[in-house]
N, C-alpha and C. Protein backbone atom coordinates (compact mmCIF):
# COMPACT_ATOMS: atom_id res chain seq x y z
N UNK A 1 -5.22 11.20 14.46
CA UNK A 1 -4.41 10.55 13.42
C UNK A 1 -5.20 9.39 12.83
N UNK A 2 -5.09 9.27 11.59
CA UNK A 2 -5.76 8.25 10.81
C UNK A 2 -5.36 6.84 11.27
N UNK A 3 -6.38 5.97 11.51
CA UNK A 3 -6.10 4.60 11.93
C UNK A 3 -6.35 3.65 10.77
N UNK A 4 -5.27 3.30 10.10
CA UNK A 4 -5.36 2.44 8.92
C UNK A 4 -5.87 1.05 9.30
N UNK A 5 -5.41 0.55 10.41
CA UNK A 5 -5.83 -0.79 10.85
C UNK A 5 -7.33 -0.89 10.99
N UNK A 6 -7.92 0.13 11.60
CA UNK A 6 -9.36 0.15 11.78
C UNK A 6 -10.08 0.09 10.43
N UNK A 7 -9.60 0.88 9.49
CA UNK A 7 -10.20 0.88 8.15
C UNK A 7 -10.07 -0.51 7.49
N UNK A 8 -8.90 -1.14 7.66
CA UNK A 8 -8.69 -2.45 7.05
C UNK A 8 -9.54 -3.53 7.71
N UNK A 9 -9.84 -3.39 9.00
CA UNK A 9 -10.73 -4.34 9.65
C UNK A 9 -12.15 -4.21 9.10
N UNK A 10 -12.52 -2.98 8.77
CA UNK A 10 -13.84 -2.74 8.17
C UNK A 10 -13.93 -3.31 6.76
N UNK A 11 -12.88 -3.06 5.96
CA UNK A 11 -12.82 -3.56 4.59
C UNK A 11 -11.35 -3.80 4.23
N UNK A 12 -10.93 -5.07 4.19
CA UNK A 12 -9.51 -5.37 3.99
C UNK A 12 -9.00 -5.26 2.56
N UNK A 13 -9.86 -4.85 1.63
CA UNK A 13 -9.45 -4.77 0.22
C UNK A 13 -8.98 -3.36 -0.10
N UNK A 14 -7.74 -3.27 -0.59
CA UNK A 14 -7.15 -1.99 -0.97
C UNK A 14 -7.15 -1.90 -2.50
N UNK A 15 -7.74 -0.83 -3.01
CA UNK A 15 -7.76 -0.65 -4.46
C UNK A 15 -6.41 -0.10 -4.91
N UNK A 16 -5.70 -0.85 -5.72
CA UNK A 16 -4.42 -0.40 -6.28
C UNK A 16 -4.71 0.06 -7.70
N UNK A 17 -4.49 1.34 -7.96
CA UNK A 17 -4.83 1.87 -9.29
C UNK A 17 -3.55 2.13 -10.08
N UNK A 18 -3.57 1.66 -11.33
CA UNK A 18 -2.36 1.71 -12.16
C UNK A 18 -2.52 2.59 -13.40
N UNK A 19 -3.72 3.17 -13.60
CA UNK A 19 -3.94 4.04 -14.75
C UNK A 19 -5.24 4.83 -14.56
N UNK A 20 -5.53 5.70 -15.54
CA UNK A 20 -6.72 6.53 -15.47
C UNK A 20 -8.02 5.73 -15.43
N UNK A 21 -8.04 4.62 -16.12
CA UNK A 21 -9.24 3.76 -16.12
C UNK A 21 -9.52 3.24 -14.70
N UNK A 22 -8.47 2.79 -14.02
CA UNK A 22 -8.63 2.33 -12.64
C UNK A 22 -9.07 3.47 -11.73
N UNK A 23 -8.52 4.66 -11.96
CA UNK A 23 -8.91 5.82 -11.16
C UNK A 23 -10.41 6.07 -11.31
N UNK A 24 -10.90 6.12 -12.54
CA UNK A 24 -12.33 6.35 -12.77
C UNK A 24 -13.17 5.27 -12.11
N UNK A 25 -12.72 4.03 -12.20
CA UNK A 25 -13.45 2.91 -11.59
C UNK A 25 -13.49 3.07 -10.06
N UNK A 26 -12.37 3.43 -9.47
CA UNK A 26 -12.29 3.53 -8.00
C UNK A 26 -13.17 4.66 -7.45
N UNK A 27 -13.51 5.62 -8.29
CA UNK A 27 -14.33 6.75 -7.85
C UNK A 27 -15.83 6.46 -7.90
N UNK A 28 -16.21 5.32 -8.47
CA UNK A 28 -17.63 4.96 -8.58
C UNK A 28 -18.23 4.71 -7.20
N UNK A 29 -19.52 5.01 -7.10
CA UNK A 29 -20.25 4.85 -5.84
C UNK A 29 -20.20 3.41 -5.31
N UNK A 30 -20.17 2.43 -6.20
CA UNK A 30 -20.16 1.04 -5.75
C UNK A 30 -18.93 0.68 -4.93
N UNK A 31 -17.90 1.53 -4.97
CA UNK A 31 -16.68 1.30 -4.19
C UNK A 31 -16.55 2.26 -3.02
N UNK A 32 -17.66 2.83 -2.59
CA UNK A 32 -17.60 3.81 -1.49
C UNK A 32 -17.13 3.17 -0.18
N UNK A 33 -17.31 1.87 -0.01
CA UNK A 33 -16.85 1.19 1.21
C UNK A 33 -15.35 0.90 1.17
N UNK A 34 -14.76 0.94 -0.01
CA UNK A 34 -13.31 0.73 -0.14
C UNK A 34 -12.61 2.05 0.14
N UNK A 35 -12.08 2.19 1.32
CA UNK A 35 -11.50 3.47 1.73
C UNK A 35 -10.04 3.64 1.34
N UNK A 36 -9.29 2.55 1.30
CA UNK A 36 -7.85 2.68 1.01
C UNK A 36 -7.55 2.51 -0.46
N UNK A 37 -6.69 3.39 -0.97
CA UNK A 37 -6.29 3.36 -2.38
C UNK A 37 -4.77 3.52 -2.45
N UNK A 38 -4.16 2.63 -3.22
CA UNK A 38 -2.73 2.75 -3.52
C UNK A 38 -2.60 3.30 -4.93
N UNK A 39 -1.97 4.44 -5.09
CA UNK A 39 -1.75 5.06 -6.40
C UNK A 39 -0.40 4.56 -6.92
N UNK A 40 -0.47 3.83 -8.04
CA UNK A 40 0.72 3.20 -8.62
C UNK A 40 1.07 3.78 -9.98
N UNK A 41 0.65 5.00 -10.25
CA UNK A 41 0.94 5.61 -11.56
C UNK A 41 0.88 7.12 -11.44
N UNK A 42 1.32 7.78 -12.50
CA UNK A 42 1.24 9.23 -12.59
C UNK A 42 2.62 9.83 -12.72
N UNK A 43 2.63 11.15 -12.70
CA UNK A 43 3.89 11.89 -12.74
C UNK A 43 3.76 13.07 -11.79
N UNK A 44 4.82 13.82 -11.65
CA UNK A 44 4.79 14.89 -10.65
C UNK A 44 3.77 15.99 -10.98
N UNK A 45 3.37 16.09 -12.23
CA UNK A 45 2.34 17.08 -12.59
C UNK A 45 0.93 16.55 -12.35
N UNK A 46 0.69 15.26 -12.68
CA UNK A 46 -0.66 14.71 -12.56
C UNK A 46 -0.99 14.22 -11.16
N UNK A 47 0.01 13.91 -10.37
CA UNK A 47 -0.22 13.32 -9.05
C UNK A 47 -1.13 14.15 -8.14
N UNK A 48 -0.92 15.47 -8.01
CA UNK A 48 -1.82 16.23 -7.13
C UNK A 48 -3.29 16.12 -7.55
N UNK A 49 -3.56 16.09 -8.84
CA UNK A 49 -4.94 15.98 -9.32
C UNK A 49 -5.51 14.60 -9.04
N UNK A 50 -4.72 13.56 -9.26
CA UNK A 50 -5.16 12.18 -8.99
C UNK A 50 -5.54 12.05 -7.51
N UNK A 51 -4.66 12.52 -6.64
CA UNK A 51 -4.92 12.42 -5.21
C UNK A 51 -6.14 13.24 -4.82
N UNK A 52 -6.27 14.44 -5.37
CA UNK A 52 -7.41 15.31 -5.05
C UNK A 52 -8.74 14.65 -5.41
N UNK A 53 -8.80 13.99 -6.57
CA UNK A 53 -10.03 13.29 -6.98
C UNK A 53 -10.38 12.19 -5.99
N UNK A 54 -9.38 11.44 -5.56
CA UNK A 54 -9.61 10.36 -4.60
C UNK A 54 -10.05 10.92 -3.24
N UNK A 55 -9.40 11.98 -2.81
CA UNK A 55 -9.75 12.59 -1.51
C UNK A 55 -11.17 13.16 -1.54
N UNK A 56 -11.63 13.61 -2.72
CA UNK A 56 -12.99 14.14 -2.83
C UNK A 56 -14.03 13.05 -2.58
N UNK A 57 -13.63 11.81 -2.67
CA UNK A 57 -14.51 10.66 -2.40
C UNK A 57 -14.17 10.03 -1.04
N UNK A 58 -13.48 10.79 -0.21
CA UNK A 58 -13.13 10.36 1.15
C UNK A 58 -12.26 9.11 1.20
N UNK A 59 -11.35 9.00 0.26
CA UNK A 59 -10.43 7.87 0.24
C UNK A 59 -9.18 8.19 1.07
N UNK A 60 -8.57 7.14 1.57
CA UNK A 60 -7.28 7.23 2.24
C UNK A 60 -6.25 6.85 1.18
N UNK A 61 -5.39 7.78 0.86
CA UNK A 61 -4.53 7.64 -0.32
C UNK A 61 -3.06 7.47 0.05
N UNK A 62 -2.47 6.40 -0.51
CA UNK A 62 -1.04 6.15 -0.40
C UNK A 62 -0.46 6.20 -1.80
N UNK A 63 0.65 6.90 -1.95
CA UNK A 63 1.29 7.06 -3.25
C UNK A 63 2.57 6.22 -3.26
N UNK A 64 2.71 5.39 -4.29
CA UNK A 64 3.94 4.61 -4.44
C UNK A 64 4.99 5.51 -5.07
N UNK A 65 5.87 6.02 -4.24
CA UNK A 65 6.84 7.02 -4.68
C UNK A 65 7.73 6.53 -5.82
N UNK A 66 8.03 5.26 -5.87
CA UNK A 66 8.92 4.72 -6.90
C UNK A 66 8.28 4.57 -8.25
N UNK A 67 6.95 4.70 -8.31
CA UNK A 67 6.25 4.53 -9.58
C UNK A 67 5.73 5.85 -10.16
N UNK A 68 6.06 6.95 -9.52
CA UNK A 68 5.64 8.26 -10.00
C UNK A 68 6.76 8.85 -10.85
N UNK A 69 6.45 9.05 -12.14
CA UNK A 69 7.45 9.58 -13.07
C UNK A 69 7.93 10.95 -12.61
N UNK A 70 9.24 11.13 -12.57
CA UNK A 70 9.83 12.39 -12.14
C UNK A 70 10.07 12.46 -10.65
N UNK A 71 9.64 11.46 -9.92
CA UNK A 71 9.81 11.46 -8.47
C UNK A 71 10.77 10.38 -8.02
N UNK A 72 10.54 9.18 -8.52
CA UNK A 72 11.35 8.02 -8.14
C UNK A 72 11.31 7.82 -6.64
N UNK A 73 12.30 7.17 -6.11
CA UNK A 73 12.36 6.90 -4.67
C UNK A 73 13.45 7.75 -4.03
N UNK A 74 13.56 8.98 -4.44
CA UNK A 74 14.61 9.83 -3.86
C UNK A 74 14.26 10.13 -2.41
N UNK A 75 15.22 10.60 -1.69
CA UNK A 75 14.99 10.93 -0.28
C UNK A 75 14.04 12.11 -0.13
N UNK A 76 13.79 12.83 -1.23
CA UNK A 76 12.88 13.97 -1.20
C UNK A 76 11.42 13.58 -1.51
N UNK A 77 11.21 12.35 -1.87
CA UNK A 77 9.86 11.90 -2.24
C UNK A 77 8.83 12.15 -1.15
N UNK A 78 9.08 11.73 0.08
CA UNK A 78 8.06 11.98 1.11
C UNK A 78 7.70 13.45 1.26
N UNK A 79 8.71 14.33 1.28
CA UNK A 79 8.40 15.75 1.46
C UNK A 79 7.66 16.32 0.25
N UNK A 80 8.01 15.86 -0.96
CA UNK A 80 7.27 16.31 -2.16
C UNK A 80 5.81 15.89 -2.04
N UNK A 81 5.57 14.64 -1.71
CA UNK A 81 4.19 14.13 -1.60
C UNK A 81 3.42 14.89 -0.52
N UNK A 82 4.06 15.16 0.61
CA UNK A 82 3.41 15.91 1.69
C UNK A 82 3.10 17.34 1.26
N UNK A 83 4.05 17.99 0.59
CA UNK A 83 3.91 19.41 0.25
C UNK A 83 2.93 19.65 -0.91
N UNK A 84 2.94 18.77 -1.92
CA UNK A 84 2.20 19.07 -3.14
C UNK A 84 0.94 18.23 -3.36
N UNK A 85 0.65 17.31 -2.44
CA UNK A 85 -0.58 16.51 -2.57
C UNK A 85 -1.29 16.44 -1.23
N UNK A 86 -2.47 15.88 -1.27
CA UNK A 86 -3.24 15.66 -0.04
C UNK A 86 -3.13 14.20 0.40
N UNK A 87 -2.14 13.47 -0.10
CA UNK A 87 -1.99 12.05 0.22
C UNK A 87 -1.80 11.85 1.73
N UNK A 88 -2.25 10.69 2.18
CA UNK A 88 -2.13 10.34 3.59
C UNK A 88 -0.83 9.61 3.89
N UNK A 89 -0.24 9.03 2.84
CA UNK A 89 0.98 8.28 3.07
C UNK A 89 1.68 7.89 1.80
N UNK A 90 2.81 7.18 1.98
CA UNK A 90 3.59 6.70 0.85
C UNK A 90 3.73 5.19 0.91
N UNK A 91 4.02 4.62 -0.23
CA UNK A 91 4.45 3.24 -0.36
C UNK A 91 5.88 3.34 -0.85
N UNK A 92 6.77 2.60 -0.20
CA UNK A 92 8.18 2.69 -0.55
C UNK A 92 8.87 1.35 -0.37
N UNK A 93 9.97 1.18 -1.07
CA UNK A 93 10.81 0.01 -0.87
C UNK A 93 12.05 0.39 -0.06
N UNK A 94 12.10 1.63 0.37
CA UNK A 94 13.26 2.14 1.12
C UNK A 94 12.87 2.45 2.57
N UNK A 95 13.49 1.73 3.50
CA UNK A 95 13.21 1.92 4.93
C UNK A 95 13.45 3.37 5.35
N UNK A 96 14.49 4.00 4.79
CA UNK A 96 14.80 5.38 5.15
C UNK A 96 13.65 6.32 4.77
N UNK A 97 13.01 6.07 3.64
CA UNK A 97 11.91 6.92 3.22
C UNK A 97 10.67 6.71 4.10
N UNK A 98 10.48 5.48 4.59
CA UNK A 98 9.39 5.22 5.54
C UNK A 98 9.61 6.03 6.81
N UNK A 99 10.85 6.07 7.25
CA UNK A 99 11.23 6.85 8.43
C UNK A 99 10.99 8.35 8.19
N UNK A 100 11.43 8.84 7.04
CA UNK A 100 11.25 10.26 6.71
C UNK A 100 9.77 10.63 6.63
N UNK A 101 8.98 9.74 6.06
CA UNK A 101 7.54 10.00 5.94
C UNK A 101 6.92 10.18 7.32
N UNK A 102 7.25 9.29 8.22
CA UNK A 102 6.70 9.37 9.57
C UNK A 102 7.11 10.67 10.26
N UNK A 103 8.34 11.10 10.06
CA UNK A 103 8.84 12.34 10.68
C UNK A 103 8.00 13.55 10.26
N UNK A 104 7.49 13.53 9.02
CA UNK A 104 6.74 14.71 8.54
C UNK A 104 5.22 14.51 8.58
N UNK A 105 4.77 13.42 9.23
CA UNK A 105 3.34 13.24 9.43
C UNK A 105 2.62 12.40 8.39
N UNK A 106 3.36 11.70 7.54
CA UNK A 106 2.73 10.79 6.58
C UNK A 106 2.82 9.36 7.11
N UNK A 107 1.84 8.55 6.78
CA UNK A 107 1.89 7.12 7.06
C UNK A 107 2.78 6.48 6.00
N UNK A 108 3.23 5.25 6.28
CA UNK A 108 4.07 4.60 5.28
C UNK A 108 3.81 3.10 5.22
N UNK A 109 3.90 2.59 4.02
CA UNK A 109 3.85 1.16 3.74
C UNK A 109 5.22 0.80 3.17
N UNK A 110 5.89 -0.12 3.83
CA UNK A 110 7.19 -0.58 3.37
C UNK A 110 6.96 -1.86 2.58
N UNK A 111 7.30 -1.81 1.31
CA UNK A 111 6.99 -2.90 0.37
C UNK A 111 8.22 -3.77 0.13
N UNK A 112 7.99 -5.09 0.20
CA UNK A 112 9.06 -6.07 -0.03
C UNK A 112 8.65 -7.04 -1.13
N UNK A 113 9.58 -7.32 -2.01
CA UNK A 113 9.40 -8.35 -3.03
C UNK A 113 10.16 -9.59 -2.54
N UNK A 114 9.44 -10.66 -2.27
CA UNK A 114 10.08 -11.89 -1.81
C UNK A 114 10.30 -12.82 -2.98
N UNK A 115 11.54 -12.95 -3.35
CA UNK A 115 11.90 -13.78 -4.50
C UNK A 115 12.57 -15.08 -4.10
N UNK A 116 13.24 -15.05 -2.93
CA UNK A 116 14.01 -16.21 -2.50
C UNK A 116 14.30 -16.08 -1.00
N UNK A 117 15.07 -17.03 -0.46
CA UNK A 117 15.37 -17.01 0.97
C UNK A 117 16.22 -15.81 1.36
N UNK A 118 17.02 -15.31 0.44
CA UNK A 118 17.83 -14.13 0.72
C UNK A 118 16.96 -12.90 0.95
N UNK A 119 15.97 -12.73 0.09
CA UNK A 119 15.07 -11.58 0.25
C UNK A 119 14.21 -11.74 1.51
N UNK A 120 13.87 -12.97 1.87
CA UNK A 120 13.12 -13.24 3.10
C UNK A 120 13.95 -12.80 4.32
N UNK A 121 15.22 -13.15 4.34
CA UNK A 121 16.10 -12.76 5.44
C UNK A 121 16.27 -11.25 5.50
N UNK A 122 16.29 -10.62 4.34
CA UNK A 122 16.39 -9.16 4.28
C UNK A 122 15.19 -8.50 4.97
N UNK A 123 14.00 -9.08 4.78
CA UNK A 123 12.80 -8.57 5.43
C UNK A 123 13.00 -8.62 6.94
N UNK A 124 13.48 -9.75 7.44
CA UNK A 124 13.70 -9.90 8.88
C UNK A 124 14.62 -8.81 9.42
N UNK A 125 15.72 -8.57 8.72
CA UNK A 125 16.68 -7.56 9.16
C UNK A 125 16.10 -6.16 9.11
N UNK A 126 15.41 -5.85 8.04
CA UNK A 126 14.87 -4.51 7.85
C UNK A 126 13.76 -4.20 8.84
N UNK A 127 12.91 -5.17 9.11
CA UNK A 127 11.77 -4.95 9.99
C UNK A 127 12.21 -4.60 11.41
N UNK A 128 13.33 -5.11 11.83
CA UNK A 128 13.82 -4.84 13.19
C UNK A 128 13.93 -3.34 13.46
N UNK A 129 14.28 -2.58 12.45
CA UNK A 129 14.53 -1.16 12.64
C UNK A 129 13.56 -0.26 11.89
N UNK A 130 12.45 -0.81 11.44
CA UNK A 130 11.55 0.01 10.63
C UNK A 130 10.62 0.87 11.47
N UNK A 131 10.21 1.96 10.91
CA UNK A 131 9.19 2.80 11.53
C UNK A 131 7.96 2.85 10.65
N UNK A 132 7.86 1.90 9.72
CA UNK A 132 6.71 1.85 8.81
C UNK A 132 5.44 1.48 9.58
N UNK A 133 4.32 1.97 9.08
CA UNK A 133 3.03 1.64 9.69
C UNK A 133 2.52 0.28 9.24
N UNK A 134 2.85 -0.08 8.01
CA UNK A 134 2.42 -1.37 7.44
C UNK A 134 3.54 -1.94 6.60
N UNK A 135 3.55 -3.26 6.47
CA UNK A 135 4.44 -3.95 5.54
C UNK A 135 3.57 -4.48 4.42
N UNK A 136 4.09 -4.47 3.21
CA UNK A 136 3.40 -5.13 2.10
C UNK A 136 4.36 -6.15 1.52
N UNK A 137 3.88 -7.38 1.44
CA UNK A 137 4.67 -8.48 0.91
C UNK A 137 4.13 -8.84 -0.47
N UNK A 138 5.03 -8.90 -1.44
CA UNK A 138 4.66 -9.29 -2.80
C UNK A 138 5.49 -10.50 -3.22
N UNK A 139 4.97 -11.48 -3.88
CA UNK A 139 3.54 -11.62 -4.17
C UNK A 139 2.76 -12.02 -2.92
N UNK A 140 1.50 -11.65 -2.93
CA UNK A 140 0.63 -11.89 -1.78
C UNK A 140 -0.02 -13.26 -1.78
N UNK A 141 0.43 -14.13 -2.65
CA UNK A 141 -0.18 -15.46 -2.75
C UNK A 141 0.69 -16.52 -2.07
N UNK A 142 1.33 -16.12 -0.98
CA UNK A 142 2.19 -17.04 -0.23
C UNK A 142 1.70 -17.14 1.20
N UNK A 143 0.61 -17.85 1.44
CA UNK A 143 0.05 -17.88 2.79
C UNK A 143 1.02 -18.39 3.86
N UNK A 144 1.84 -19.36 3.55
CA UNK A 144 2.78 -19.87 4.56
C UNK A 144 3.77 -18.79 4.97
N UNK A 145 4.27 -18.05 4.01
CA UNK A 145 5.22 -16.98 4.31
C UNK A 145 4.54 -15.84 5.07
N UNK A 146 3.34 -15.49 4.66
CA UNK A 146 2.58 -14.44 5.36
C UNK A 146 2.37 -14.85 6.82
N UNK A 147 2.00 -16.09 7.03
CA UNK A 147 1.78 -16.59 8.39
C UNK A 147 3.07 -16.53 9.22
N UNK A 148 4.17 -16.90 8.63
CA UNK A 148 5.46 -16.84 9.33
C UNK A 148 5.80 -15.40 9.72
N UNK A 149 5.69 -14.49 8.76
CA UNK A 149 6.08 -13.10 9.02
C UNK A 149 5.16 -12.47 10.07
N UNK A 150 3.87 -12.73 9.99
CA UNK A 150 2.96 -12.15 10.99
C UNK A 150 3.20 -12.77 12.36
N UNK A 151 3.82 -13.93 12.39
CA UNK A 151 4.17 -14.57 13.66
C UNK A 151 5.30 -13.88 14.39
N UNK A 152 6.25 -13.27 13.68
CA UNK A 152 7.37 -12.63 14.35
C UNK A 152 7.44 -11.12 14.17
N UNK A 153 6.58 -10.55 13.34
CA UNK A 153 6.62 -9.10 13.12
C UNK A 153 5.56 -8.38 13.94
N UNK A 154 5.93 -7.24 14.48
CA UNK A 154 4.98 -6.39 15.21
C UNK A 154 4.21 -5.46 14.26
N UNK A 155 4.72 -5.32 13.03
CA UNK A 155 4.12 -4.41 12.06
C UNK A 155 3.06 -5.17 11.27
N UNK A 156 1.83 -4.64 11.18
CA UNK A 156 0.78 -5.31 10.40
C UNK A 156 1.19 -5.50 8.94
N UNK A 157 0.69 -6.56 8.33
CA UNK A 157 1.11 -6.95 6.99
C UNK A 157 -0.05 -6.92 6.00
N UNK A 158 0.27 -6.50 4.78
CA UNK A 158 -0.67 -6.52 3.65
C UNK A 158 -0.08 -7.47 2.61
N UNK A 159 -0.93 -8.27 1.99
CA UNK A 159 -0.49 -9.10 0.87
C UNK A 159 -0.85 -8.40 -0.43
N UNK A 160 0.06 -8.36 -1.38
CA UNK A 160 -0.21 -7.70 -2.65
C UNK A 160 0.50 -8.41 -3.78
N UNK A 161 0.03 -8.22 -4.97
CA UNK A 161 0.67 -8.81 -6.14
C UNK A 161 0.17 -10.21 -6.43
N UNK A 162 -0.27 -10.41 -7.65
CA UNK A 162 -0.76 -11.70 -8.15
C UNK A 162 -2.01 -12.20 -7.44
N UNK A 163 -2.73 -11.32 -6.78
CA UNK A 163 -4.01 -11.68 -6.18
C UNK A 163 -5.03 -11.69 -7.32
N UNK A 164 -5.40 -12.89 -7.76
CA UNK A 164 -6.24 -13.01 -8.96
C UNK A 164 -7.71 -13.23 -8.68
N UNK A 165 -8.04 -13.77 -7.52
CA UNK A 165 -9.45 -14.05 -7.24
C UNK A 165 -9.70 -14.01 -5.74
N UNK A 166 -10.96 -14.24 -5.39
CA UNK A 166 -11.38 -14.18 -3.99
C UNK A 166 -10.60 -15.20 -3.14
N UNK A 167 -10.34 -16.37 -3.70
CA UNK A 167 -9.61 -17.40 -2.94
C UNK A 167 -8.21 -16.92 -2.58
N UNK A 168 -7.52 -16.27 -3.52
CA UNK A 168 -6.18 -15.74 -3.23
C UNK A 168 -6.25 -14.71 -2.10
N UNK A 169 -7.24 -13.81 -2.19
CA UNK A 169 -7.39 -12.77 -1.17
C UNK A 169 -7.71 -13.39 0.19
N UNK A 170 -8.62 -14.35 0.21
CA UNK A 170 -9.01 -14.98 1.47
C UNK A 170 -7.85 -15.77 2.08
N UNK A 171 -7.04 -16.41 1.25
CA UNK A 171 -5.89 -17.17 1.76
C UNK A 171 -4.89 -16.23 2.45
N UNK A 172 -4.66 -15.08 1.86
CA UNK A 172 -3.73 -14.11 2.48
C UNK A 172 -4.30 -13.59 3.80
N UNK A 173 -5.60 -13.31 3.82
CA UNK A 173 -6.23 -12.81 5.05
C UNK A 173 -6.24 -13.89 6.14
N UNK A 174 -6.55 -15.11 5.77
CA UNK A 174 -6.54 -16.22 6.73
C UNK A 174 -5.15 -16.45 7.32
N UNK A 175 -4.13 -16.20 6.52
CA UNK A 175 -2.75 -16.41 6.95
C UNK A 175 -2.26 -15.32 7.91
N UNK A 176 -3.05 -14.25 8.05
CA UNK A 176 -2.68 -13.21 8.99
C UNK A 176 -2.54 -11.82 8.42
N UNK A 177 -2.64 -11.65 7.11
CA UNK A 177 -2.59 -10.31 6.52
C UNK A 177 -3.83 -9.54 6.99
N UNK A 178 -3.65 -8.25 7.27
CA UNK A 178 -4.82 -7.46 7.67
C UNK A 178 -5.49 -6.80 6.46
N UNK A 179 -4.84 -6.91 5.30
CA UNK A 179 -5.40 -6.35 4.09
C UNK A 179 -4.75 -6.97 2.87
N UNK A 180 -5.40 -6.73 1.73
CA UNK A 180 -4.92 -7.24 0.45
C UNK A 180 -5.02 -6.10 -0.55
N UNK A 181 -3.91 -5.81 -1.25
CA UNK A 181 -3.96 -4.78 -2.29
C UNK A 181 -4.01 -5.47 -3.65
N UNK A 182 -4.86 -4.94 -4.52
CA UNK A 182 -4.98 -5.54 -5.84
C UNK A 182 -5.41 -4.50 -6.86
N UNK A 183 -4.85 -4.63 -8.07
CA UNK A 183 -5.30 -3.77 -9.17
C UNK A 183 -6.39 -4.48 -9.97
N UNK A 184 -6.75 -5.68 -9.57
CA UNK A 184 -7.81 -6.45 -10.22
C UNK A 184 -9.15 -5.95 -9.69
N UNK A 185 -9.89 -5.23 -10.52
CA UNK A 185 -11.15 -4.62 -10.07
C UNK A 185 -12.18 -5.65 -9.63
N UNK A 186 -12.06 -6.88 -10.06
CA UNK A 186 -13.00 -7.92 -9.61
C UNK A 186 -12.80 -8.23 -8.13
N UNK A 187 -11.63 -8.01 -7.64
CA UNK A 187 -11.32 -8.25 -6.22
C UNK A 187 -11.85 -7.11 -5.35
N UNK A 188 -11.97 -5.91 -5.90
CA UNK A 188 -12.34 -4.75 -5.11
C UNK A 188 -13.67 -4.91 -4.41
N UNK A 189 -14.58 -5.65 -4.99
CA UNK A 189 -15.92 -5.80 -4.42
C UNK A 189 -16.14 -7.25 -4.00
N UNK A 190 -15.50 -7.65 -2.93
CA UNK A 190 -15.64 -9.04 -2.46
C UNK A 190 -16.78 -9.17 -1.48
């Protein structure tokens, strides 16, 4: 079984691709050390091809089910991704879908948007019963919050969103994140 943690220890930068331009960039030889890719775009017709191109470059691919046109975050998303693509896992905002993904052999990243203390408390409640392999906290530029969550959570954490430069990425990693996801190509090669 694929060990995501090991890959993130080798290179903690996750390429988040949001369009065809990012896809082409992520396939370049200069990013061969960046193994993890988050696919944040596409539709049910284009997704298998996007994933296949990434897999041809030995990438570990996670598909954000809620951002794929025609797929959304339905309870069938994990099985669709497993059946029709070569993806290694899903990114989801739904704990139930993380559970379903694991049942069928996919890895999962459970993504949380922290907007206020209410959403922070929701993370605490959800994590207690999650079967996700990784948590992703957005925005990832909150080192104090990342440090707090990594202090009480058993699930490894990724910081994502609004990571604009090396300092933002390093602050998240120093705070305890095992990886940083970014669609900013300047961050991909740190």
